[in-house]
Amino acid sequence: MDLALYKVLINEDDYLIAEDLCSVCEEAQCLLIGPALSGADELEIVRNEIPDIAIVDLDRGEGITMRDLEDVPYLQKPVGRDALLKILNDVLN
């Protein structure tokens, strides 16, 4: 999978899940922006650099929810390494 040099923003309020997501993205040689642990962090980060894709926790009680999205690729937690890499590859390539 050629995901090198794609900028990925991870927005996840659970630190351990965020670390796991970061590890998978780093393994795929993506350029990480963040992680953002809140919606406020996410906004601050994207003011400085626009990601190619964002991995967002939609169950934080703030911001967008699944009801706001149509035809957007998504995975529901828990998600494994292979499923995450596949959807990143499908979306970015």
Protein backbone atom coordinates (compact mmCIF):
# COMPACT_ATOMS: atom_id res chain seq x y z
CA MET A 1 0.00 0.00 0.00
CA ASP A 2 1.45 3.32 -1.03
CA LEU A 3 0.20 5.77 1.58
CA ALA A 4 3.50 7.56 2.10
CA LEU A 5 3.33 11.33 2.28
CA TYR A 6 -0.44 11.56 2.76
CA LYS A 7 -1.26 13.87 5.68
CA VAL A 8 -3.54 12.18 8.20
CA LEU A 9 -5.25 13.93 11.11
CA ILE A 10 -6.39 11.69 13.95
CA ASN A 11 -9.05 13.06 16.26
CA GLU A 12 -9.74 10.63 19.09
CA ASP A 13 -10.42 11.49 22.73
CA ASP A 14 -9.24 8.12 24.07
CA TYR A 15 -5.46 8.40 24.31
CA LEU A 16 -4.78 4.66 23.91
CA ILE A 17 -6.97 4.39 20.80
CA ALA A 18 -5.33 7.52 19.38
CA GLU A 19 -1.89 5.98 19.95
CA ASP A 20 -2.95 2.76 18.20
CA LEU A 21 -4.31 4.70 15.21
CA CYS A 22 -1.11 6.75 15.05
CA SER A 23 1.00 3.59 15.09
CA VAL A 24 -0.90 2.08 12.16
CA CYS A 25 -0.63 5.30 10.16
CA GLU A 26 3.08 5.62 10.91
CA GLU A 27 3.58 2.01 9.82
CA ALA A 28 1.95 2.95 6.50
CA GLN A 29 4.37 5.92 6.32
CA CYS A 30 1.60 8.51 6.44
CA LEU A 31 2.50 11.97 7.71
CA LEU A 32 0.67 12.44 11.00
CA ILE A 33 -0.94 15.72 11.93
CA GLY A 34 -1.92 15.59 15.57
CA PRO A 35 -3.37 13.59 17.18
CA ALA A 36 -6.14 15.89 18.32
CA LEU A 37 -7.78 14.82 21.55
CA SER A 38 -10.73 17.22 21.20
CA GLY A 39 -12.65 19.22 18.63
CA ALA A 40 -10.85 22.37 19.79
CA ASP A 41 -7.48 20.68 19.23
CA GLU A 42 -8.60 19.60 15.77
CA LEU A 43 -9.58 23.14 14.78
CA GLU A 44 -6.26 24.52 16.00
CA ILE A 45 -4.34 21.91 14.03
CA VAL A 46 -6.18 22.44 10.73
CA ARG A 47 -5.64 26.19 10.97
CA ASN A 48 -1.96 25.42 10.38
CA GLU A 49 -2.08 22.43 8.06
CA ILE A 50 -4.86 20.83 6.00
CA PRO A 51 -4.91 17.02 6.11
CA ASP A 52 -5.60 14.77 3.13
CA ILE A 53 -7.84 12.67 5.36
CA ALA A 54 -9.10 12.82 8.94
CA ILE A 55 -9.84 9.91 11.23
CA VAL A 56 -12.47 11.32 13.57
CA ASP A 57 -14.17 9.94 16.66
CA LEU A 58 -17.83 10.72 16.01
CA ASP A 59 -19.01 9.61 19.43
CA ARG A 60 -17.57 12.44 21.52
CA GLY A 61 -20.78 14.34 22.12
CA GLU A 62 -19.50 17.34 20.16
CA GLY A 63 -19.13 18.21 16.49
CA ILE A 64 -20.43 16.10 13.63
CA THR A 65 -22.13 12.73 14.01
CA MET A 66 -22.87 9.88 11.62
CA ARG A 67 -26.26 11.48 10.93
CA ASP A 68 -24.43 14.42 9.36
CA LEU A 69 -22.56 12.26 6.86
CA GLU A 70 -23.72 10.66 3.64
CA ASP A 71 -21.65 8.42 1.39
CA VAL A 72 -18.55 8.90 3.53
CA PRO A 73 -16.31 5.87 4.08
CA TYR A 74 -16.17 4.97 7.74
CA LEU A 75 -15.24 2.24 10.17
CA GLN A 76 -16.90 1.64 13.48
CA LYS A 77 -14.76 1.01 16.55
CA PRO A 78 -13.19 -1.26 17.43
CA VAL A 79 -11.25 -1.37 14.18
CA GLY A 80 -8.31 -3.58 13.38
CA ARG A 81 -5.07 -2.68 11.69
CA ASP A 82 -5.90 -4.37 8.37
CA ALA A 83 -9.36 -2.78 8.11
CA LEU A 84 -7.91 0.67 8.82
CA LEU A 85 -5.14 0.28 6.24
CA LYS A 86 -7.64 -0.96 3.64
CA ILE A 87 -9.99 1.99 4.02
CA LEU A 88 -7.09 4.46 4.03
CA ASN A 89 -5.81 2.89 0.82
CA ASP A 90 -9.29 2.90 -0.76
CA VAL A 91 -9.89 6.55 0.08
CA LEU A 92 -6.44 7.94 -0.68
CA ASN A 93 -5.55 5.97 -3.80
